[in-house]
């Protein structure tokens, strides 16, 4: 694994990089870039270490325009380059190239690179690959050797994939691992929002009865993000859960829905809570919802938008 040293950007001067960028840009514009030229491709990857942000972006754009022929050079840099700026830019460039053959390298970068920016960019590139990356991301969530940070990035990537990974995600709801089920619930919410998938909606309802309070709480949050009046009863029911986290997520979701139907259950929950641990959250949710109803338009209140 590469180290974290930044070591002065690259061995090339700013003038060298500017000349190369201009020459490659002209070739690409003319449609004559020799994409089989490994020397030039490797040199373009080195340009990702330029100390000027706009120039780094320029090199990344040219590599993305070249596309798949540049992928092996970017993979090599992502695995082994000592300059963290190059590794960061290489990972980000994969979000533009979207090369499925680079999936394993991106997975290694997510889990093994010492730089959190590289890890996050690798997760973003995996998310861009869509459903094909779901098994790898689920594997990270299931493997106890990986850190909570890695698992969080994998869960974020799964949620970003959402509906694009529907078929691969659904069986994972049967996983014995809470982290996996939580990640799938987050992705299901996105799926419903984008496609009104009824099977996904059924799975989300089932998650409300999951043995894990963490999964239940994630499901309540997902229902809240759907921002639809028909789910107000689901959120209202969550306020009666024995789980503190579920009740808290339900209160915050009702607050954000800006629907008048959410006010009575919040007020009832506030009376039940008294001065309990959720008193402040319920007071905030009730006050903010009441304020949004007073200041919002009639259409906002009616639709819950």
C-alpha atoms as a PDB file:
ATOM      1  CA  UNK A   1       0.000   0.000   0.000  1.00  0.00           C
ATOM      2  CA  UNK A   2       1.203   3.459  -0.883  1.00  0.00           C
ATOM      3  CA  UNK A   3       2.330   5.819   1.837  1.00  0.00           C
ATOM      4  CA  UNK A   4       0.820   9.129   2.724  1.00  0.00           C
ATOM      5  CA  UNK A   5       3.674  11.420   1.692  1.00  0.00           C
ATOM      6  CA  UNK A   6       2.842  14.288  -0.635  1.00  0.00           C
ATOM      7  CA  UNK A   7       6.453  14.807  -1.726  1.00  0.00           C
ATOM      8  CA  UNK A   8       6.224  18.017  -3.727  1.00  0.00           C
ATOM      9  CA  UNK A   9       3.464  17.062  -6.156  1.00  0.00           C
ATOM     10  CA  UNK A  10       5.356  15.520  -9.116  1.00  0.00           C
ATOM     11  CA  UNK A  11       8.838  15.402 -10.563  1.00  0.00           C
ATOM     12  CA  UNK A  12       7.638  17.688 -13.375  1.00  0.00           C
ATOM     13  CA  UNK A  13       7.495  21.466 -13.371  1.00  0.00           C
ATOM     14  CA  UNK A  14       4.345  23.524 -13.750  1.00  0.00           C
ATOM     15  CA  UNK A  15       5.520  24.495 -17.230  1.00  0.00           C
ATOM     16  CA  UNK A  16       5.984  20.829 -18.195  1.00  0.00           C
ATOM     17  CA  UNK A  17       2.452  20.047 -17.065  1.00  0.00           C
ATOM     18  CA  UNK A  18       0.964  23.048 -18.849  1.00  0.00           C
ATOM     19  CA  UNK A  19       2.667  22.086 -22.120  1.00  0.00           C
ATOM     20  CA  UNK A  20       1.535  18.470 -21.845  1.00  0.00           C
ATOM     21  CA  UNK A  21      -2.039  19.450 -21.014  1.00  0.00           C
ATOM     22  CA  UNK A  22      -2.190  21.804 -23.979  1.00  0.00           C
ATOM     23  CA  UNK A  23      -0.733  19.218 -26.366  1.00  0.00           C
ATOM     24  CA  UNK A  24      -3.075  16.426 -25.247  1.00  0.00           C
ATOM     25  CA  UNK A  25      -6.065  18.769 -25.355  1.00  0.00           C
ATOM     26  CA  UNK A  26      -5.245  19.641 -28.957  1.00  0.00           C
ATOM     27  CA  UNK A  27      -4.883  15.982 -29.888  1.00  0.00           C
ATOM     28  CA  UNK A  28      -8.191  15.061 -28.268  1.00  0.00           C
ATOM     29  CA  UNK A  29      -9.922  17.956 -30.009  1.00  0.00           C
ATOM     30  CA  UNK A  30      -8.565  16.687 -33.314  1.00  0.00           C
ATOM     31  CA  UNK A  31      -9.538  13.100 -32.495  1.00  0.00           C
ATOM     32  CA  UNK A  32      -6.001  11.788 -32.977  1.00  0.00           C
ATOM     33  CA  UNK A  33      -4.819  11.033 -29.448  1.00  0.00           C
ATOM     34  CA  UNK A  34      -2.637   7.885 -29.484  1.00  0.00           C
ATOM     35  CA  UNK A  35      -4.425   6.062 -26.652  1.00  0.00           C
ATOM     36  CA  UNK A  36      -2.065   3.113 -27.041  1.00  0.00           C
ATOM     37  CA  UNK A  37       0.866   5.250 -25.964  1.00  0.00           C
ATOM     38  CA  UNK A  38       1.596   4.015 -22.462  1.00  0.00           C
ATOM     39  CA  UNK A  39       4.313   6.565 -21.861  1.00  0.00           C
ATOM     40  CA  UNK A  40       1.947   9.476 -22.409  1.00  0.00           C
ATOM     41  CA  UNK A  41      -0.831   7.874 -20.373  1.00  0.00           C
ATOM     42  CA  UNK A  42       1.501   7.291 -17.453  1.00  0.00           C
ATOM     43  CA  UNK A  43       2.713  10.881 -17.730  1.00  0.00           C
ATOM     44  CA  UNK A  44      -0.881  12.151 -17.683  1.00  0.00           C
ATOM     45  CA  UNK A  45      -1.488  10.265 -14.448  1.00  0.00           C
ATOM     46  CA  UNK A  46       1.582  11.952 -12.952  1.00  0.00           C
ATOM     47  CA  UNK A  47      -0.049  15.255 -13.823  1.00  0.00           C
ATOM     48  CA  UNK A  48      -2.719  14.465 -11.234  1.00  0.00           C
ATOM     49  CA  UNK A  49      -0.127  15.439  -8.644  1.00  0.00           C
ATOM     50  CA  UNK A  50       0.175  19.032  -9.858  1.00  0.00           C
ATOM     51  CA  UNK A  51      -0.103  21.442  -6.943  1.00  0.00           C
ATOM     52  CA  UNK A  52      -2.708  23.560  -8.765  1.00  0.00           C
ATOM     53  CA  UNK A  53      -6.255  22.320  -8.349  1.00  0.00           C
ATOM     54  CA  UNK A  54      -7.507  23.458 -11.752  1.00  0.00           C
ATOM     55  CA  UNK A  55      -4.591  21.775 -13.492  1.00  0.00           C
ATOM     56  CA  UNK A  56      -5.233  18.513 -11.611  1.00  0.00           C
ATOM     57  CA  UNK A  57      -8.841  18.738 -12.732  1.00  0.00           C
ATOM     58  CA  UNK A  58      -7.676  19.325 -16.299  1.00  0.00           C
ATOM     59  CA  UNK A  59      -5.598  16.148 -16.257  1.00  0.00           C
ATOM     60  CA  UNK A  60      -8.496  14.202 -14.769  1.00  0.00           C
ATOM     61  CA  UNK A  61     -10.823  15.462 -17.511  1.00  0.00           C
ATOM     62  CA  UNK A  62      -8.367  14.456 -20.253  1.00  0.00           C
ATOM     63  CA  UNK A  63      -7.915  11.004 -18.725  1.00  0.00           C
ATOM     64  CA  UNK A  64     -11.692  10.614 -18.530  1.00  0.00           C
ATOM     65  CA  UNK A  65     -11.963  11.642 -22.182  1.00  0.00           C
ATOM     66  CA  UNK A  66      -9.409   8.984 -23.105  1.00  0.00           C
ATOM     67  CA  UNK A  67     -11.469   6.529 -21.082  1.00  0.00           C
ATOM     68  CA  UNK A  68     -10.766   2.843 -20.599  1.00  0.00           C
ATOM     69  CA  UNK A  69      -7.219   2.843 -22.063  1.00  0.00           C
ATOM     70  CA  UNK A  70      -6.242   5.057 -19.116  1.00  0.00           C
ATOM     71  CA  UNK A  71      -7.765   2.739 -16.499  1.00  0.00           C
ATOM     72  CA  UNK A  72      -4.745   0.420 -15.988  1.00  0.00           C
ATOM     73  CA  UNK A  73      -2.505   3.420 -15.331  1.00  0.00           C
ATOM     74  CA  UNK A  74      -4.997   4.899 -12.883  1.00  0.00           C
ATOM     75  CA  UNK A  75      -5.298   1.533 -11.111  1.00  0.00           C
ATOM     76  CA  UNK A  76      -1.531   1.362 -10.717  1.00  0.00           C
ATOM     77  CA  UNK A  77      -1.442   4.886  -9.293  1.00  0.00           C
ATOM     78  CA  UNK A  78      -4.340   4.206  -6.919  1.00  0.00           C
ATOM     79  CA  UNK A  79      -2.614   1.102  -5.544  1.00  0.00           C
ATOM     80  CA  UNK A  80       0.988   2.210  -5.345  1.00  0.00           C
ATOM     81  CA  UNK A  81       1.618   5.917  -5.842  1.00  0.00           C
ATOM     82  CA  UNK A  82       3.409   7.547  -2.906  1.00  0.00           C
ATOM     83  CA  UNK A  83       1.790  10.937  -3.575  1.00  0.00           C
ATOM     84  CA  UNK A  84      -1.577  11.074  -1.846  1.00  0.00           C
ATOM     85  CA  UNK A  85      -2.757  13.828  -4.207  1.00  0.00           C
ATOM     86  CA  UNK A  86      -2.297  11.470  -7.167  1.00  0.00           C
ATOM     87  CA  UNK A  87      -4.174   8.679  -5.396  1.00  0.00           C
ATOM     88  CA  UNK A  88      -7.021  11.032  -4.509  1.00  0.00           C
ATOM     89  CA  UNK A  89      -7.305  12.311  -8.065  1.00  0.00           C
ATOM     90  CA  UNK A  90      -7.055   8.809  -9.524  1.00  0.00           C
ATOM     91  CA  UNK A  91      -9.950   7.618  -7.367  1.00  0.00           C
ATOM     92  CA  UNK A  92     -12.041  10.642  -8.339  1.00  0.00           C
ATOM     93  CA  UNK A  93     -11.253  10.117 -12.027  1.00  0.00           C
ATOM     94  CA  UNK A  94     -12.775   6.640 -11.803  1.00  0.00           C
ATOM     95  CA  UNK A  95     -16.117   8.292 -11.070  1.00  0.00           C
ATOM     96  CA  UNK A  96     -15.872   9.664 -14.616  1.00  0.00           C
ATOM     97  CA  UNK A  97     -14.491   6.573 -16.347  1.00  0.00           C
ATOM     98  CA  UNK A  98     -16.711   3.996 -14.596  1.00  0.00           C
ATOM     99  CA  UNK A  99     -14.553   0.969 -15.361  1.00  0.00           C
ATOM    100  CA  UNK A 100     -15.979  -2.244 -13.922  1.00  0.00           C
ATOM    101  CA  UNK A 101     -12.580  -3.956 -14.282  1.00  0.00           C
ATOM    102  CA  UNK A 102     -11.237  -1.519 -11.705  1.00  0.00           C
ATOM    103  CA  UNK A 103     -13.782  -2.549  -9.065  1.00  0.00           C
ATOM    104  CA  UNK A 104     -11.394  -4.710  -7.054  1.00  0.00           C
ATOM    105  CA  UNK A 105      -8.762  -1.953  -6.963  1.00  0.00           C
ATOM    106  CA  UNK A 106     -11.376   0.548  -5.825  1.00  0.00           C
ATOM    107  CA  UNK A 107     -12.467  -1.874  -3.109  1.00  0.00           C
ATOM    108  CA  UNK A 108      -8.880  -2.159  -1.910  1.00  0.00           C
ATOM    109  CA  UNK A 109      -8.547   1.624  -1.868  1.00  0.00           C
ATOM    110  CA  UNK A 110     -11.743   1.957   0.168  1.00  0.00           C
ATOM    111  CA  UNK A 111     -10.616  -0.536   2.778  1.00  0.00           C
ATOM    112  CA  UNK A 112      -6.814  -0.240   2.813  1.00  0.00           C
ATOM    113  CA  UNK A 113      -5.657   3.236   1.793  1.00  0.00           C
ATOM    114  CA  UNK A 114      -4.464   5.240   4.816  1.00  0.00           C
ATOM    115  CA  UNK A 115      -6.019   8.451   3.497  1.00  0.00           C
ATOM    116  CA  UNK A 116      -9.746   8.967   4.251  1.00  0.00           C
ATOM    117  CA  UNK A 117     -10.217  11.185   1.179  1.00  0.00           C
ATOM    118  CA  UNK A 118      -8.945   8.394  -1.071  1.00  0.00           C
ATOM    119  CA  UNK A 119     -11.260   5.973   0.706  1.00  0.00           C
ATOM    120  CA  UNK A 120     -14.260   8.250   0.255  1.00  0.00           C
ATOM    121  CA  UNK A 121     -13.491   8.904  -3.411  1.00  0.00           C
ATOM    122  CA  UNK A 122     -13.129   5.163  -4.017  1.00  0.00           C
ATOM    123  CA  UNK A 123     -16.557   4.638  -2.428  1.00  0.00           C
ATOM    124  CA  UNK A 124     -17.959   7.306  -4.751  1.00  0.00           C
ATOM    125  CA  UNK A 125     -16.450   5.584  -7.776  1.00  0.00           C
ATOM    126  CA  UNK A 126     -17.941   2.254  -6.684  1.00  0.00           C
ATOM    127  CA  UNK A 127     -21.337   3.897  -6.305  1.00  0.00           C
ATOM    128  CA  UNK A 128     -21.080   5.102  -9.910  1.00  0.00           C
ATOM    129  CA  UNK A 129     -20.673   1.479 -11.035  1.00  0.00           C
ATOM    130  CA  UNK A 130     -24.224   0.728  -9.884  1.00  0.00           C
ATOM    131  CA  UNK A 131     -25.584  -2.735  -9.204  1.00  0.00           C
ATOM    132  CA  UNK A 132     -22.376  -4.510 -10.165  1.00  0.00           C
ATOM    133  CA  UNK A 133     -20.646  -3.061  -7.105  1.00  0.00           C
ATOM    134  CA  UNK A 134     -23.318  -4.222  -4.644  1.00  0.00           C
ATOM    135  CA  UNK A 135     -21.772  -7.640  -3.825  1.00  0.00           C
ATOM    136  CA  UNK A 136     -18.381  -6.058  -3.097  1.00  0.00           C
ATOM    137  CA  UNK A 137     -19.931  -3.392  -0.866  1.00  0.00           C
ATOM    138  CA  UNK A 138     -22.047  -5.927   0.978  1.00  0.00           C
ATOM    139  CA  UNK A 139     -18.911  -8.013   1.484  1.00  0.00           C
ATOM    140  CA  UNK A 140     -17.224  -5.062   3.202  1.00  0.00           C
ATOM    141  CA  UNK A 141     -20.213  -4.660   5.509  1.00  0.00           C
ATOM    142  CA  UNK A 142     -20.161  -8.367   6.356  1.00  0.00           C
ATOM    143  CA  UNK A 143     -16.420  -8.632   7.041  1.00  0.00           C
ATOM    144  CA  UNK A 144     -15.480  -8.006  10.696  1.00  0.00           C
ATOM    145  CA  UNK A 145     -11.916  -7.013   9.805  1.00  0.00           C
ATOM    146  CA  UNK A 146     -13.010  -3.672   8.359  1.00  0.00           C
ATOM    147  CA  UNK A 147     -13.403  -0.503  10.418  1.00  0.00           C
ATOM    148  CA  UNK A 148     -16.637   1.299  11.163  1.00  0.00           C
ATOM    149  CA  UNK A 149     -15.435   4.082   8.850  1.00  0.00           C
ATOM    150  CA  UNK A 150     -15.053   1.657   5.927  1.00  0.00           C
ATOM    151  CA  UNK A 151     -18.439   0.139   6.640  1.00  0.00           C
ATOM    152  CA  UNK A 152     -20.002   3.598   6.774  1.00  0.00           C
ATOM    153  CA  UNK A 153     -18.582   4.427   3.353  1.00  0.00           C
ATOM    154  CA  UNK A 154     -19.837   1.117   1.969  1.00  0.00           C
ATOM    155  CA  UNK A 155     -23.318   1.795   3.382  1.00  0.00           C
ATOM    156  CA  UNK A 156     -23.283   5.284   1.855  1.00  0.00           C
ATOM    157  CA  UNK A 157     -22.290   3.843  -1.526  1.00  0.00           C
ATOM    158  CA  UNK A 158     -25.103   1.289  -1.354  1.00  0.00           C
ATOM    159  CA  UNK A 159     -27.623   4.010  -0.553  1.00  0.00           C
ATOM    160  CA  UNK A 160     -26.275   6.040  -3.485  1.00  0.00           C
ATOM    161  CA  UNK A 161     -26.716   3.070  -5.809  1.00  0.00           C
ATOM    162  CA  UNK A 162     -30.307   2.703  -4.631  1.00  0.00           C
ATOM    163  CA  UNK A 163     -32.679   1.549  -7.335  1.00  0.00           C
ATOM    164  CA  UNK A 164     -29.831   0.690  -9.704  1.00  0.00           C
ATOM    165  CA  UNK A 165     -28.912  -2.248  -7.466  1.00  0.00           C
ATOM    166  CA  UNK A 166     -32.410  -3.404  -6.613  1.00  0.00           C
ATOM    167  CA  UNK A 167     -32.085  -7.063  -7.546  1.00  0.00           C
ATOM    168  CA  UNK A 168     -28.791  -7.495  -5.696  1.00  0.00           C
ATOM    169  CA  UNK A 169     -29.989  -5.618  -2.620  1.00  0.00           C
ATOM    170  CA  UNK A 170     -33.243  -7.393  -1.831  1.00  0.00           C
ATOM    171  CA  UNK A 171     -31.784 -10.777  -0.782  1.00  0.00           C
ATOM    172  CA  UNK A 172     -29.464  -8.933   1.622  1.00  0.00           C
ATOM    173  CA  UNK A 173     -32.474  -8.025   3.770  1.00  0.00           C
ATOM    174  CA  UNK A 174     -32.211 -11.597   5.044  1.00  0.00           C
ATOM    175  CA  UNK A 175     -28.646 -11.053   6.258  1.00  0.00           C
ATOM    176  CA  UNK A 176     -27.901 -11.938   9.865  1.00  0.00           C
ATOM    177  CA  UNK A 177     -25.841  -8.756  10.187  1.00  0.00           C
ATOM    178  CA  UNK A 178     -27.504  -5.566  11.378  1.00  0.00           C
ATOM    179  CA  UNK A 179     -25.096  -3.327   9.429  1.00  0.00           C
ATOM    180  CA  UNK A 180     -26.087  -5.003   6.179  1.00  0.00           C
ATOM    181  CA  UNK A 181     -29.810  -4.752   6.821  1.00  0.00           C
ATOM    182  CA  UNK A 182     -29.470  -1.086   7.813  1.00  0.00           C
ATOM    183  CA  UNK A 183     -27.608  -0.301   4.607  1.00  0.00           C
ATOM    184  CA  UNK A 184     -30.207  -2.084   2.513  1.00  0.00           C
ATOM    185  CA  UNK A 185     -33.046  -0.183   4.213  1.00  0.00           C
ATOM    186  CA  UNK A 186     -31.366   3.105   3.338  1.00  0.00           C
ATOM    187  CA  UNK A 187     -31.032   2.039  -0.286  1.00  0.00           C
ATOM    188  CA  UNK A 188     -34.641   0.823  -0.428  1.00  0.00           C
ATOM    189  CA  UNK A 189     -35.874   4.274   0.527  1.00  0.00           C
ATOM    190  CA  UNK A 190     -34.048   5.731  -2.465  1.00  0.00           C
ATOM    191  CA  UNK A 191     -35.475   3.008  -4.657  1.00  0.00           C
ATOM    192  CA  UNK A 192     -39.066   3.784  -3.646  1.00  0.00           C
ATOM    193  CA  UNK A 193     -38.523   7.506  -4.048  1.00  0.00           C
ATOM    194  CA  UNK A 194     -37.254   7.091  -7.592  1.00  0.00           C
ATOM    195  CA  UNK A 195     -39.459   4.303  -8.906  1.00  0.00           C
ATOM    196  CA  UNK A 196     -42.393   3.746  -6.493  1.00  0.00           C
ATOM    197  CA  UNK A 197     -41.272   0.117  -6.238  1.00  0.00           C
ATOM    198  CA  UNK A 198     -44.008  -1.715  -4.336  1.00  0.00           C
ATOM    199  CA  UNK A 199     -41.861  -4.719  -3.457  1.00  0.00           C
ATOM    200  CA  UNK A 200     -39.270  -2.384  -1.947  1.00  0.00           C
ATOM    201  CA  UNK A 201     -42.044  -0.639  -0.034  1.00  0.00           C
ATOM    202  CA  UNK A 202     -43.159  -3.989   1.386  1.00  0.00           C
ATOM    203  CA  UNK A 203     -39.601  -4.713   2.523  1.00  0.00           C
ATOM    204  CA  UNK A 204     -39.430  -1.292   4.147  1.00  0.00           C
ATOM    205  CA  UNK A 205     -42.648  -2.003   6.081  1.00  0.00           C
ATOM    206  CA  UNK A 206     -41.168  -5.344   7.181  1.00  0.00           C
ATOM    207  CA  UNK A 207     -38.062  -3.539   8.425  1.00  0.00           C
ATOM    208  CA  UNK A 208     -40.240  -1.680  10.934  1.00  0.00           C
ATOM    209  CA  UNK A 209     -40.640  -5.043  12.693  1.00  0.00           C
ATOM    210  CA  UNK A 210     -36.998  -6.086  12.410  1.00  0.00           C
ATOM    211  CA  UNK A 211     -35.502  -7.635  15.578  1.00  0.00           C
ATOM    212  CA  UNK A 212     -32.907  -4.844  15.598  1.00  0.00           C
ATOM    213  CA  UNK A 213     -33.946  -1.445  16.910  1.00  0.00           C
ATOM    214  CA  UNK A 214     -31.230   0.043  14.696  1.00  0.00           C
ATOM    215  CA  UNK A 215     -32.882  -1.361  11.572  1.00  0.00           C
ATOM    216  CA  UNK A 216     -36.304  -0.185  12.766  1.00  0.00           C
ATOM    217  CA  UNK A 217     -34.929   3.323  13.307  1.00  0.00           C
ATOM    218  CA  UNK A 218     -33.361   3.326   9.832  1.00  0.00           C
ATOM    219  CA  UNK A 219     -36.702   2.283   8.335  1.00  0.00           C
ATOM    220  CA  UNK A 220     -38.496   5.142  10.085  1.00  0.00           C
ATOM    221  CA  UNK A 221     -35.928   7.582   8.708  1.00  0.00           C
ATOM    222  CA  UNK A 222     -36.400   6.122   5.227  1.00  0.00           C
ATOM    223  CA  UNK A 223     -40.188   6.583   5.440  1.00  0.00           C
ATOM    224  CA  UNK A 224     -39.639  10.161   6.537  1.00  0.00           C
ATOM    225  CA  UNK A 225     -37.406  10.890   3.548  1.00  0.00           C
ATOM    226  CA  UNK A 226     -40.176   9.779   1.185  1.00  0.00           C
ATOM    227  CA  UNK A 227     -41.990  13.014   2.117  1.00  0.00           C
ATOM    228  CA  UNK A 228     -45.487  11.696   1.350  1.00  0.00           C
ATOM    229  CA  UNK A 229     -48.671  12.211   3.417  1.00  0.00           C
ATOM    230  CA  UNK A 230     -49.648   8.554   3.142  1.00  0.00           C
ATOM    231  CA  UNK A 231     -46.728   7.633   5.411  1.00  0.00           C
ATOM    232  CA  UNK A 232     -47.698  10.001   8.222  1.00  0.00           C
ATOM    233  CA  UNK A 233     -49.514   7.153  10.084  1.00  0.00           C
ATOM    234  CA  UNK A 234     -46.329   5.050   9.907  1.00  0.00           C
ATOM    235  CA  UNK A 235     -44.316   7.883  11.432  1.00  0.00           C
ATOM    236  CA  UNK A 236     -46.993   8.566  14.023  1.00  0.00           C
ATOM    237  CA  UNK A 237     -46.974   4.905  15.074  1.00  0.00           C
ATOM    238  CA  UNK A 238     -43.199   5.033  15.502  1.00  0.00           C
ATOM    239  CA  UNK A 239     -43.680   7.539  18.349  1.00  0.00           C
ATOM    240  CA  UNK A 240     -45.151   4.701  20.435  1.00  0.00           C
ATOM    241  CA  UNK A 241     -42.163   2.390  19.957  1.00  0.00           C
ATOM    242  CA  UNK A 242     -40.341   1.194  23.097  1.00  0.00           C
ATOM    243  CA  UNK A 243     -37.099   2.137  21.338  1.00  0.00           C
ATOM    244  CA  UNK A 244     -35.742   5.589  22.121  1.00  0.00           C
ATOM    245  CA  UNK A 245     -33.954   5.791  18.752  1.00  0.00           C
ATOM    246  CA  UNK A 246     -37.068   4.823  16.801  1.00  0.00           C
ATOM    247  CA  UNK A 247     -39.156   7.432  18.602  1.00  0.00           C
ATOM    248  CA  UNK A 248     -36.516  10.100  18.048  1.00  0.00           C
ATOM    249  CA  UNK A 249     -36.268   9.357  14.310  1.00  0.00           C
ATOM    250  CA  UNK A 250     -40.056   9.368  14.031  1.00  0.00           C
ATOM    251  CA  UNK A 251     -40.322  12.761  15.725  1.00  0.00           C
ATOM    252  CA  UNK A 252     -37.673  14.306  13.475  1.00  0.00           C
ATOM    253  CA  UNK A 253     -39.253  12.781  10.373  1.00  0.00           C
ATOM    254  CA  UNK A 254     -42.668  14.223  11.263  1.00  0.00           C
ATOM    255  CA  UNK A 255     -41.071  17.598  11.858  1.00  0.00           C
ATOM    256  CA  UNK A 256     -39.527  17.586   8.382  1.00  0.00           C
ATOM    257  CA  UNK A 257     -42.677  16.391   6.596  1.00  0.00           C
ATOM    258  CA  UNK A 258     -44.454  19.717   7.230  1.00  0.00           C
ATOM    259  CA  UNK A 259     -47.853  18.037   7.276  1.00  0.00           C
ATOM    260  CA  UNK A 260     -50.587  19.098   9.693  1.00  0.00           C
ATOM    261  CA  UNK A 261     -51.525  15.475  10.341  1.00  0.00           C
ATOM    262  CA  UNK A 262     -48.211  15.038  12.121  1.00  0.00           C
ATOM    263  CA  UNK A 263     -48.919  17.611  14.812  1.00  0.00           C
ATOM    264  CA  UNK A 264     -51.465  15.700  16.988  1.00  0.00           C
ATOM    265  CA  UNK A 265     -49.260  12.576  17.368  1.00  0.00           C
ATOM    266  CA  UNK A 266     -46.287  14.769  18.229  1.00  0.00           C
ATOM    267  CA  UNK A 267     -48.311  16.591  20.875  1.00  0.00           C
ATOM    268  CA  UNK A 268     -49.556  13.319  22.357  1.00  0.00           C
ATOM    269  CA  UNK A 269     -46.010  11.953  22.421  1.00  0.00           C
ATOM    270  CA  UNK A 270     -44.825  15.125  24.122  1.00  0.00           C
ATOM    271  CA  UNK A 271     -47.404  14.694  26.877  1.00  0.00           C
ATOM    272  CA  UNK A 272     -46.471  11.028  27.336  1.00  0.00           C
ATOM    273  CA  UNK A 273     -42.763  11.822  27.476  1.00  0.00           C
ATOM    274  CA  UNK A 274     -43.039  14.470  30.182  1.00  0.00           C
ATOM    275  CA  UNK A 275     -39.501  15.307  31.199  1.00  0.00           C
ATOM    276  CA  UNK A 276     -38.078  12.045  29.823  1.00  0.00           C
ATOM    277  CA  UNK A 277     -34.962  11.685  27.654  1.00  0.00           C
ATOM    278  CA  UNK A 278     -36.777  12.708  24.450  1.00  0.00           C
ATOM    279  CA  UNK A 279     -38.478  15.764  25.914  1.00  0.00           C
ATOM    280  CA  UNK A 280     -36.175  18.232  24.139  1.00  0.00           C
ATOM    281  CA  UNK A 281     -36.422  16.461  20.771  1.00  0.00           C
ATOM    282  CA  UNK A 282     -40.207  16.271  20.912  1.00  0.00           C
ATOM    283  CA  UNK A 283     -40.476  19.897  21.966  1.00  0.00           C
ATOM    284  CA  UNK A 284     -38.253  20.931  19.060  1.00  0.00           C
ATOM    285  CA  UNK A 285     -40.166  18.790  16.548  1.00  0.00           C
ATOM    286  CA  UNK A 286     -43.543  20.087  17.732  1.00  0.00           C
ATOM    287  CA  UNK A 287     -42.450  23.723  17.737  1.00  0.00           C
ATOM    288  CA  UNK A 288     -40.772  23.530  14.326  1.00  0.00           C
ATOM    289  CA  UNK A 289     -43.680  21.705  12.707  1.00  0.00           C
ATOM    290  CA  UNK A 290     -46.178  24.169  14.164  1.00  0.00           C
ATOM    291  CA  UNK A 291     -44.046  27.056  12.893  1.00  0.00           C
ATOM    292  CA  UNK A 292     -43.747  25.587   9.399  1.00  0.00           C
ATOM    293  CA  UNK A 293     -47.522  25.102   9.246  1.00  0.00           C
ATOM    294  CA  UNK A 294     -48.075  28.727  10.251  1.00  0.00           C
ATOM    295  CA  UNK A 295     -45.647  30.107   7.671  1.00  0.00           C
ATOM    296  CA  UNK A 296     -46.143  27.613   4.826  1.00  0.00           C
ATOM    297  CA  UNK A 297     -48.611  27.929   1.967  1.00  0.00           C
ATOM    298  CA  UNK A 298     -51.913  26.053   1.946  1.00  0.00           C
ATOM    299  CA  UNK A 299     -50.559  23.743  -0.749  1.00  0.00           C
ATOM    300  CA  UNK A 300     -47.515  22.963   1.401  1.00  0.00           C
ATOM    301  CA  UNK A 301     -49.688  22.033   4.348  1.00  0.00           C
ATOM    302  CA  UNK A 302     -52.129  19.982   2.298  1.00  0.00           C
ATOM    303  CA  UNK A 303     -49.514  17.954   0.420  1.00  0.00           C
ATOM    304  CA  UNK A 304     -46.900  17.722   3.126  1.00  0.00           C
ATOM    305  CA  UNK A 305     -44.283  19.087   0.721  1.00  0.00           C
END
